[in-house]
Amino acid sequence: MLNEVIFFDTMRQGLWIAVLVSAPILVIALVAGVSIGLVQALTSIQEMTLTFVPKLAAIVLVFWLTMGFMTQTLVSFFQSRIIPLVIGG
């Protein structure tokens, strides 16, 4: 029973960390996609590269800006939760 509780609690924390780490990129992709789609609808321009290139640039920029936060979050999760479970602590 105790092992199941530890397993499910670790899975819950891991999923929450995944949400925290991926949220900035997903939010900026959504905002960029909607805004570019709105501009395309207003100007009647239907060019595929017009949606792809700015969205990719925004995602890369946000990834570069939040890389430290993502790394720090994942490392602290592994050091505080995963490694003690692996070594049996």
PDB file of N, CA and C in Angstrom:
ATOM      1  N   MET A   1       0.816  -1.194   0.000  1.00  0.00           N
ATOM      2  CA  MET A   1       0.000   0.000   0.000  1.00  0.00           C
ATOM      3  C   MET A   1       0.864   1.263   0.000  1.00  0.00           C
ATOM      4  N   LEU A   2       1.911   1.270   0.789  1.00  0.00           N
ATOM      5  CA  LEU A   2       2.765   2.446   0.878  1.00  0.00           C
ATOM      6  C   LEU A   2       3.517   2.687  -0.428  1.00  0.00           C
ATOM      7  N   ASN A   3       3.941   1.603  -1.090  1.00  0.00           N
ATOM      8  CA  ASN A   3       4.645   1.752  -2.365  1.00  0.00           C
ATOM      9  C   ASN A   3       3.742   2.351  -3.437  1.00  0.00           C
ATOM     10  N   GLU A   4       2.463   1.973  -3.420  1.00  0.00           N
ATOM     11  CA  GLU A   4       1.521   2.527  -4.385  1.00  0.00           C
ATOM     12  C   GLU A   4       1.300   4.013  -4.149  1.00  0.00           C
ATOM     13  N   VAL A   5       1.225   4.414  -2.911  1.00  0.00           N
ATOM     14  CA  VAL A   5       1.039   5.829  -2.578  1.00  0.00           C
ATOM     15  C   VAL A   5       2.249   6.634  -3.035  1.00  0.00           C
ATOM     16  N   ILE A   6       3.427   6.130  -2.789  1.00  0.00           N
ATOM     17  CA  ILE A   6       4.647   6.822  -3.222  1.00  0.00           C
ATOM     18  C   ILE A   6       4.703   6.902  -4.740  1.00  0.00           C
ATOM     19  N   PHE A   7       4.341   5.809  -5.417  1.00  0.00           N
ATOM     20  CA  PHE A   7       4.344   5.798  -6.880  1.00  0.00           C
ATOM     21  C   PHE A   7       3.379   6.829  -7.456  1.00  0.00           C
ATOM     22  N   PHE A   8       2.134   6.824  -6.970  1.00  0.00           N
ATOM     23  CA  PHE A   8       1.138   7.742  -7.510  1.00  0.00           C
ATOM     24  C   PHE A   8       1.439   9.194  -7.146  1.00  0.00           C
ATOM     25  N   ASP A   9       1.997   9.426  -5.979  1.00  0.00           N
ATOM     26  CA  ASP A   9       2.383  10.786  -5.606  1.00  0.00           C
ATOM     27  C   ASP A   9       3.527  11.289  -6.483  1.00  0.00           C
ATOM     28  N   THR A  10       4.476  10.416  -6.776  1.00  0.00           N
ATOM     29  CA  THR A  10       5.582  10.792  -7.657  1.00  0.00           C
ATOM     30  C   THR A  10       5.080  11.052  -9.073  1.00  0.00           C
ATOM     31  N   MET A  11       4.161  10.237  -9.541  1.00  0.00           N
ATOM     32  CA  MET A  11       3.580  10.457 -10.869  1.00  0.00           C
ATOM     33  C   MET A  11       2.814  11.770 -10.928  1.00  0.00           C
ATOM     34  N   ARG A  12       2.069  12.086  -9.869  1.00  0.00           N
ATOM     35  CA  ARG A  12       1.319  13.333  -9.815  1.00  0.00           C
ATOM     36  C   ARG A  12       2.261  14.528  -9.851  1.00  0.00           C
ATOM     37  N   GLN A  13       3.331  14.460  -9.075  1.00  0.00           N
ATOM     38  CA  GLN A  13       4.313  15.545  -9.083  1.00  0.00           C
ATOM     39  C   GLN A  13       5.005  15.649 -10.431  1.00  0.00           C
ATOM     40  N   GLY A  14       5.310  14.529 -11.053  1.00  0.00           N
ATOM     41  CA  GLY A  14       5.953  14.542 -12.361  1.00  0.00           C
ATOM     42  C   GLY A  14       5.069  15.162 -13.432  1.00  0.00           C
ATOM     43  N   LEU A  15       3.787  14.841 -13.400  1.00  0.00           N
ATOM     44  CA  LEU A  15       2.863  15.443 -14.360  1.00  0.00           C
ATOM     45  C   LEU A  15       2.713  16.942 -14.132  1.00  0.00           C
ATOM     46  N   TRP A  16       2.698  17.359 -12.872  1.00  0.00           N
ATOM     47  CA  TRP A  16       2.605  18.787 -12.579  1.00  0.00           C
ATOM     48  C   TRP A  16       3.861  19.528 -13.048  1.00  0.00           C
ATOM     49  N   ILE A  17       5.016  18.914 -12.871  1.00  0.00           N
ATOM     50  CA  ILE A  17       6.268  19.505 -13.360  1.00  0.00           C
ATOM     51  C   ILE A  17       6.228  19.610 -14.880  1.00  0.00           C
ATOM     52  N   ALA A  18       5.694  18.594 -15.551  1.00  0.00           N
ATOM     53  CA  ALA A  18       5.579  18.641 -17.011  1.00  0.00           C
ATOM     54  C   ALA A  18       4.672  19.787 -17.457  1.00  0.00           C
ATOM     55  N   VAL A  19       3.592  20.012 -16.735  1.00  0.00           N
ATOM     56  CA  VAL A  19       2.696  21.134 -17.059  1.00  0.00           C
ATOM     57  C   VAL A  19       3.411  22.463 -16.851  1.00  0.00           C
ATOM     58  N   LEU A  20       4.120  22.598 -15.739  1.00  0.00           N
ATOM     59  CA  LEU A  20       4.831  23.850 -15.457  1.00  0.00           C
ATOM     60  C   LEU A  20       5.906  24.141 -16.493  1.00  0.00           C
ATOM     61  N   VAL A  21       6.628  23.107 -16.903  1.00  0.00           N
ATOM     62  CA  VAL A  21       7.733  23.296 -17.845  1.00  0.00           C
ATOM     63  C   VAL A  21       7.218  23.602 -19.247  1.00  0.00           C
ATOM     64  N   SER A  22       6.121  22.975 -19.636  1.00  0.00           N
ATOM     65  CA  SER A  22       5.626  23.163 -21.005  1.00  0.00           C
ATOM     66  C   SER A  22       4.695  24.355 -21.163  1.00  0.00           C
ATOM     67  N   ALA A  23       4.166  24.888 -20.087  1.00  0.00           N
ATOM     68  CA  ALA A  23       3.174  25.961 -20.171  1.00  0.00           C
ATOM     69  C   ALA A  23       3.658  27.209 -20.907  1.00  0.00           C
ATOM     70  N   PRO A  24       4.859  27.738 -20.638  1.00  0.00           N
ATOM     71  CA  PRO A  24       5.257  28.958 -21.358  1.00  0.00           C
ATOM     72  C   PRO A  24       5.308  28.778 -22.873  1.00  0.00           C
ATOM     73  N   ILE A  25       5.810  27.650 -23.330  1.00  0.00           N
ATOM     74  CA  ILE A  25       5.910  27.413 -24.771  1.00  0.00           C
ATOM     75  C   ILE A  25       4.526  27.226 -25.382  1.00  0.00           C
ATOM     76  N   LEU A  26       3.665  26.484 -24.697  1.00  0.00           N
ATOM     77  CA  LEU A  26       2.325  26.261 -25.239  1.00  0.00           C
ATOM     78  C   LEU A  26       1.506  27.544 -25.265  1.00  0.00           C
ATOM     79  N   VAL A  27       1.645  28.371 -24.251  1.00  0.00           N
ATOM     80  CA  VAL A  27       0.897  29.637 -24.213  1.00  0.00           C
ATOM     81  C   VAL A  27       1.349  30.560 -25.328  1.00  0.00           C
ATOM     82  N   ILE A  28       2.652  30.693 -25.529  1.00  0.00           N
ATOM     83  CA  ILE A  28       3.128  31.592 -26.580  1.00  0.00           C
ATOM     84  C   ILE A  28       2.786  31.045 -27.962  1.00  0.00           C
ATOM     85  N   ALA A  29       2.777  29.738 -28.136  1.00  0.00           N
ATOM     86  CA  ALA A  29       2.363  29.161 -29.421  1.00  0.00           C
ATOM     87  C   ALA A  29       0.891  29.455 -29.690  1.00  0.00           C
ATOM     88  N   LEU A  30       0.062  29.371 -28.656  1.00  0.00           N
ATOM     89  CA  LEU A  30      -1.354  29.681 -28.804  1.00  0.00           C
ATOM     90  C   LEU A  30      -1.568  31.153 -29.138  1.00  0.00           C
ATOM     91  N   VAL A  31      -0.908  32.035 -28.399  1.00  0.00           N
ATOM     92  CA  VAL A  31      -1.058  33.479 -28.636  1.00  0.00           C
ATOM     93  C   VAL A  31      -0.551  33.855 -30.023  1.00  0.00           C
ATOM     94  N   ALA A  32       0.593  33.335 -30.402  1.00  0.00           N
ATOM     95  CA  ALA A  32       1.147  33.651 -31.726  1.00  0.00           C
ATOM     96  C   ALA A  32       0.251  33.098 -32.829  1.00  0.00           C
ATOM     97  N   GLY A  33      -0.251  31.898 -32.678  1.00  0.00           N
ATOM     98  CA  GLY A  33      -1.112  31.301 -33.693  1.00  0.00           C
ATOM     99  C   GLY A  33      -2.413  32.057 -33.866  1.00  0.00           C
ATOM    100  N   VAL A  34      -3.025  32.443 -32.758  1.00  0.00           N
ATOM    101  CA  VAL A  34      -4.292  33.185 -32.842  1.00  0.00           C
ATOM    102  C   VAL A  34      -4.070  34.568 -33.437  1.00  0.00           C
ATOM    103  N   SER A  35      -3.017  35.255 -33.003  1.00  0.00           N
ATOM    104  CA  SER A  35      -2.781  36.599 -33.532  1.00  0.00           C
ATOM    105  C   SER A  35      -2.419  36.573 -35.012  1.00  0.00           C
ATOM    106  N   ILE A  36      -1.625  35.623 -35.433  1.00  0.00           N
ATOM    107  CA  ILE A  36      -1.270  35.520 -36.848  1.00  0.00           C
ATOM    108  C   ILE A  36      -2.496  35.109 -37.670  1.00  0.00           C
ATOM    109  N   GLY A  37      -3.305  34.222 -37.126  1.00  0.00           N
ATOM    110  CA  GLY A  37      -4.550  33.844 -37.799  1.00  0.00           C
ATOM    111  C   GLY A  37      -5.499  35.019 -37.945  1.00  0.00           C
ATOM    112  N   LEU A  38      -5.554  35.861 -36.920  1.00  0.00           N
ATOM    113  CA  LEU A  38      -6.395  37.055 -36.999  1.00  0.00           C
ATOM    114  C   LEU A  38      -5.898  38.016 -38.073  1.00  0.00           C
ATOM    115  N   VAL A  39      -4.587  38.215 -38.130  1.00  0.00           N
ATOM    116  CA  VAL A  39      -4.019  39.074 -39.169  1.00  0.00           C
ATOM    117  C   VAL A  39      -4.289  38.489 -40.554  1.00  0.00           C
ATOM    118  N   GLN A  40      -4.150  37.185 -40.692  1.00  0.00           N
ATOM    119  CA  GLN A  40      -4.428  36.549 -41.985  1.00  0.00           C
ATOM    120  C   GLN A  40      -5.893  36.698 -42.372  1.00  0.00           C
ATOM    121  N   ALA A  41      -6.789  36.566 -41.410  1.00  0.00           N
ATOM    122  CA  ALA A  41      -8.208  36.704 -41.715  1.00  0.00           C
ATOM    123  C   ALA A  41      -8.557  38.142 -42.087  1.00  0.00           C
ATOM    124  N   LEU A  42      -7.929  39.101 -41.427  1.00  0.00           N
ATOM    125  CA  LEU A  42      -8.220  40.503 -41.720  1.00  0.00           C
ATOM    126  C   LEU A  42      -7.658  40.943 -43.063  1.00  0.00           C
ATOM    127  N   THR A  43      -6.532  40.369 -43.457  1.00  0.00           N
ATOM    128  CA  THR A  43      -5.893  40.795 -44.702  1.00  0.00           C
ATOM    129  C   THR A  43      -6.128  39.824 -45.855  1.00  0.00           C
ATOM    130  N   SER A  44      -6.799  38.722 -45.612  1.00  0.00           N
ATOM    131  CA  SER A  44      -7.085  37.685 -46.624  1.00  0.00           C
ATOM    132  C   SER A  44      -5.818  37.113 -47.251  1.00  0.00           C
ATOM    133  N   ILE A  45      -4.743  37.081 -46.492  1.00  0.00           N
ATOM    134  CA  ILE A  45      -3.499  36.462 -46.951  1.00  0.00           C
ATOM    135  C   ILE A  45      -3.479  35.040 -46.403  1.00  0.00           C
ATOM    136  N   GLN A  46      -3.363  34.058 -47.277  1.00  0.00           N
ATOM    137  CA  GLN A  46      -3.375  32.654 -46.856  1.00  0.00           C
ATOM    138  C   GLN A  46      -2.051  31.986 -47.215  1.00  0.00           C
ATOM    139  N   GLU A  47      -0.980  32.479 -46.688  1.00  0.00           N
ATOM    140  CA  GLU A  47       0.355  31.938 -46.938  1.00  0.00           C
ATOM    141  C   GLU A  47       0.746  31.058 -45.750  1.00  0.00           C
ATOM    142  N   MET A  48       1.155  29.822 -46.013  1.00  0.00           N
ATOM    143  CA  MET A  48       1.492  28.882 -44.944  1.00  0.00           C
ATOM    144  C   MET A  48       2.745  29.290 -44.176  1.00  0.00           C
ATOM    145  N   THR A  49       3.734  29.838 -44.891  1.00  0.00           N
ATOM    146  CA  THR A  49       4.963  30.222 -44.192  1.00  0.00           C
ATOM    147  C   THR A  49       4.742  31.422 -43.292  1.00  0.00           C
ATOM    148  N   LEU A  50       3.696  32.187 -43.540  1.00  0.00           N
ATOM    149  CA  LEU A  50       3.398  33.336 -42.682  1.00  0.00           C
ATOM    150  C   LEU A  50       2.992  32.882 -41.288  1.00  0.00           C
ATOM    151  N   THR A  51       2.384  31.724 -41.168  1.00  0.00           N
ATOM    152  CA  THR A  51       2.028  31.213 -39.842  1.00  0.00           C
ATOM    153  C   THR A  51       3.176  30.453 -39.200  1.00  0.00           C
ATOM    154  N   PHE A  52       3.946  29.752 -39.995  1.00  0.00           N
ATOM    155  CA  PHE A  52       4.959  28.851 -39.446  1.00  0.00           C
ATOM    156  C   PHE A  52       6.180  29.598 -38.900  1.00  0.00           C
ATOM    157  N   VAL A  53       6.730  30.497 -39.674  1.00  0.00           N
ATOM    158  CA  VAL A  53       7.994  31.154 -39.299  1.00  0.00           C
ATOM    159  C   VAL A  53       7.861  32.036 -38.052  1.00  0.00           C
ATOM    160  N   PRO A  54       6.870  32.937 -37.956  1.00  0.00           N
ATOM    161  CA  PRO A  54       6.771  33.732 -36.720  1.00  0.00           C
ATOM    162  C   PRO A  54       6.456  32.892 -35.484  1.00  0.00           C
ATOM    163  N   LYS A  55       5.627  31.858 -35.649  1.00  0.00           N
ATOM    164  CA  LYS A  55       5.315  31.006 -34.510  1.00  0.00           C
ATOM    165  C   LYS A  55       6.554  30.248 -34.046  1.00  0.00           C
ATOM    166  N   LEU A  56       7.328  29.752 -34.997  1.00  0.00           N
ATOM    167  CA  LEU A  56       8.568  29.058 -34.644  1.00  0.00           C
ATOM    168  C   LEU A  56       9.553  30.005 -33.965  1.00  0.00           C
ATOM    169  N   ALA A  57       9.662  31.220 -34.472  1.00  0.00           N
ATOM    170  CA  ALA A  57      10.561  32.202 -33.860  1.00  0.00           C
ATOM    171  C   ALA A  57      10.121  32.544 -32.439  1.00  0.00           C
ATOM    172  N   ALA A  58       8.813  32.698 -32.219  1.00  0.00           N
ATOM    173  CA  ALA A  58       8.312  33.005 -30.880  1.00  0.00           C
ATOM    174  C   ALA A  58       8.563  31.843 -29.924  1.00  0.00           C
ATOM    175  N   ILE A  59       8.378  30.625 -30.396  1.00  0.00           N
ATOM    176  CA  ILE A  59       8.605  29.450 -29.548  1.00  0.00           C
ATOM    177  C   ILE A  59      10.079  29.325 -29.175  1.00  0.00           C
ATOM    178  N   VAL A  60      10.962  29.533 -30.146  1.00  0.00           N
ATOM    179  CA  VAL A  60      12.401  29.452 -29.870  1.00  0.00           C
ATOM    180  C   VAL A  60      12.821  30.545 -28.895  1.00  0.00           C
ATOM    181  N   LEU A  61      12.282  31.755 -29.058  1.00  0.00           N
ATOM    182  CA  LEU A  61      12.620  32.854 -28.150  1.00  0.00           C
ATOM    183  C   LEU A  61      12.157  32.555 -26.727  1.00  0.00           C
ATOM    184  N   VAL A  62      10.930  32.075 -26.574  1.00  0.00           N
ATOM    185  CA  VAL A  62      10.418  31.760 -25.234  1.00  0.00           C
ATOM    186  C   VAL A  62      11.179  30.584 -24.630  1.00  0.00           C
ATOM    187  N   PHE A  63      11.524  29.606 -25.444  1.00  0.00           N
ATOM    188  CA  PHE A  63      12.321  28.487 -24.930  1.00  0.00           C
ATOM    189  C   PHE A  63      13.676  28.985 -24.432  1.00  0.00           C
ATOM    190  N   TRP A  64      14.292  29.875 -25.182  1.00  0.00           N
ATOM    191  CA  TRP A  64      15.593  30.403 -24.790  1.00  0.00           C
ATOM    192  C   TRP A  64      15.486  31.224 -23.504  1.00  0.00           C
ATOM    193  N   LEU A  65      14.397  31.994 -23.370  1.00  0.00           N
ATOM    194  CA  LEU A  65      14.227  32.820 -22.172  1.00  0.00           C
ATOM    195  C   LEU A  65      13.880  31.996 -20.930  1.00  0.00           C
ATOM    196  N   THR A  66      13.158  30.898 -21.098  1.00  0.00           N
ATOM    197  CA  THR A  66      12.727  30.110 -19.939  1.00  0.00           C
ATOM    198  C   THR A  66      13.559  28.844 -19.729  1.00  0.00           C
ATOM    199  N   MET A  67      14.637  28.710 -20.453  1.00  0.00           N
ATOM    200  CA  MET A  67      15.462  27.513 -20.338  1.00  0.00           C
ATOM    201  C   MET A  67      16.015  27.341 -18.922  1.00  0.00           C
ATOM    202  N   GLY A  68      16.414  28.414 -18.277  1.00  0.00           N
ATOM    203  CA  GLY A  68      16.929  28.328 -16.915  1.00  0.00           C
ATOM    204  C   GLY A  68      15.874  27.845 -15.935  1.00  0.00           C
ATOM    205  N   PHE A  69      14.657  28.391 -16.061  1.00  0.00           N
ATOM    206  CA  PHE A  69      13.557  27.955 -15.202  1.00  0.00           C
ATOM    207  C   PHE A  69      13.242  26.482 -15.416  1.00  0.00           C
ATOM    208  N   MET A  70      13.202  26.062 -16.672  1.00  0.00           N
ATOM    209  CA  MET A  70      12.900  24.660 -16.975  1.00  0.00           C
ATOM    210  C   MET A  70      13.961  23.730 -16.405  1.00  0.00           C
ATOM    211  N   THR A  71      15.203  24.087 -16.603  1.00  0.00           N
ATOM    212  CA  THR A  71      16.302  23.260 -16.100  1.00  0.00           C
ATOM    213  C   THR A  71      16.291  23.198 -14.586  1.00  0.00           C
ATOM    214  N   GLN A  72      16.116  24.339 -13.937  1.00  0.00           N
ATOM    215  CA  GLN A  72      16.101  24.377 -12.480  1.00  0.00           C
ATOM    216  C   GLN A  72      14.936  23.561 -11.919  1.00  0.00           C
ATOM    217  N   THR A  73      13.773  23.645 -12.545  1.00  0.00           N
ATOM    218  CA  THR A  73      12.605  22.894 -12.086  1.00  0.00           C
ATOM    219  C   THR A  73      12.823  21.392 -12.223  1.00  0.00           C
ATOM    220  N   LEU A  74      13.326  20.958 -13.371  1.00  0.00           N
ATOM    221  CA  LEU A  74      13.550  19.525 -13.579  1.00  0.00           C
ATOM    222  C   LEU A  74      14.653  18.977 -12.682  1.00  0.00           C
ATOM    223  N   VAL A  75      15.739  19.717 -12.521  1.00  0.00           N
ATOM    224  CA  VAL A  75      16.840  19.255 -11.671  1.00  0.00           C
ATOM    225  C   VAL A  75      16.399  19.169 -10.218  1.00  0.00           C
ATOM    226  N   SER A  76      15.641  20.156  -9.748  1.00  0.00           N
ATOM    227  CA  SER A  76      15.196  20.098  -8.351  1.00  0.00           C
ATOM    228  C   SER A  76      14.222  18.948  -8.129  1.00  0.00           C
ATOM    229  N   PHE A  77      13.373  18.646  -9.124  1.00  0.00           N
ATOM    230  CA  PHE A  77      12.467  17.496  -9.002  1.00  0.00           C
ATOM    231  C   PHE A  77      13.250  16.193  -8.939  1.00  0.00           C
ATOM    232  N   PHE A  78      14.235  16.055  -9.791  1.00  0.00           N
ATOM    233  CA  PHE A  78      15.024  14.820  -9.783  1.00  0.00           C
ATOM    234  C   PHE A  78      15.846  14.689  -8.512  1.00  0.00           C
ATOM    235  N   GLN A  79      16.429  15.788  -8.046  1.00  0.00           N
ATOM    236  CA  GLN A  79      17.252  15.705  -6.844  1.00  0.00           C
ATOM    237  C   GLN A  79      16.423  15.487  -5.588  1.00  0.00           C
ATOM    238  N   SER A  80      15.239  16.078  -5.530  1.00  0.00           N
ATOM    239  CA  SER A  80      14.452  15.965  -4.300  1.00  0.00           C
ATOM    240  C   SER A  80      13.536  14.744  -4.287  1.00  0.00           C
ATOM    241  N   ARG A  81      13.158  14.236  -5.459  1.00  0.00           N
ATOM    242  CA  ARG A  81      12.158  13.176  -5.479  1.00  0.00           C
ATOM    243  C   ARG A  81      12.644  11.876  -6.112  1.00  0.00           C
ATOM    244  N   ILE A  82      13.208  11.942  -7.310  1.00  0.00           N
ATOM    245  CA  ILE A  82      13.532  10.730  -8.065  1.00  0.00           C
ATOM    246  C   ILE A  82      14.779  10.048  -7.521  1.00  0.00           C
ATOM    247  N   ILE A  83      15.848  10.778  -7.325  1.00  0.00           N
ATOM    248  CA  ILE A  83      17.107  10.180  -6.861  1.00  0.00           C
ATOM    249  C   ILE A  83      16.957   9.525  -5.497  1.00  0.00           C
ATOM    250  N   PRO A  84      16.281  10.167  -4.506  1.00  0.00           N
ATOM    251  CA  PRO A  84      16.084   9.451  -3.226  1.00  0.00           C
ATOM    252  C   PRO A  84      15.279   8.161  -3.385  1.00  0.00           C
ATOM    253  N   LEU A  85      14.332   8.125  -4.317  1.00  0.00           N
ATOM    254  CA  LEU A  85      13.590   6.887  -4.525  1.00  0.00           C
ATOM    255  C   LEU A  85      14.447   5.811  -5.159  1.00  0.00           C
ATOM    256  N   VAL A  86      15.351   6.202  -6.051  1.00  0.00           N
ATOM    257  CA  VAL A  86      16.216   5.227  -6.719  1.00  0.00           C
ATOM    258  C   VAL A  86      17.201   4.617  -5.736  1.00  0.00           C
ATOM    259  N   ILE A  87      17.781   5.466  -4.882  1.00  0.00           N
ATOM    260  CA  ILE A  87      18.769   4.935  -3.932  1.00  0.00           C
ATOM    261  C   ILE A  87      18.126   4.336  -2.686  1.00  0.00           C
ATOM    262  N   GLY A  88      16.788   4.444  -2.591  1.00  0.00           N
ATOM    263  CA  GLY A  88      16.074   3.776  -1.497  1.00  0.00           C
ATOM    264  C   GLY A  88      15.963   4.595  -0.245  1.00  0.00           C
ATOM    265  N   GLY A  89      15.999   5.912  -0.359  1.00  0.00           N
ATOM    266  CA  GLY A  89      15.944   6.754   0.831  1.00  0.00           C
ATOM    267  C   GLY A  89      14.614   7.199   1.239  1.00  0.00           C
TER     268      GLY A  89
END
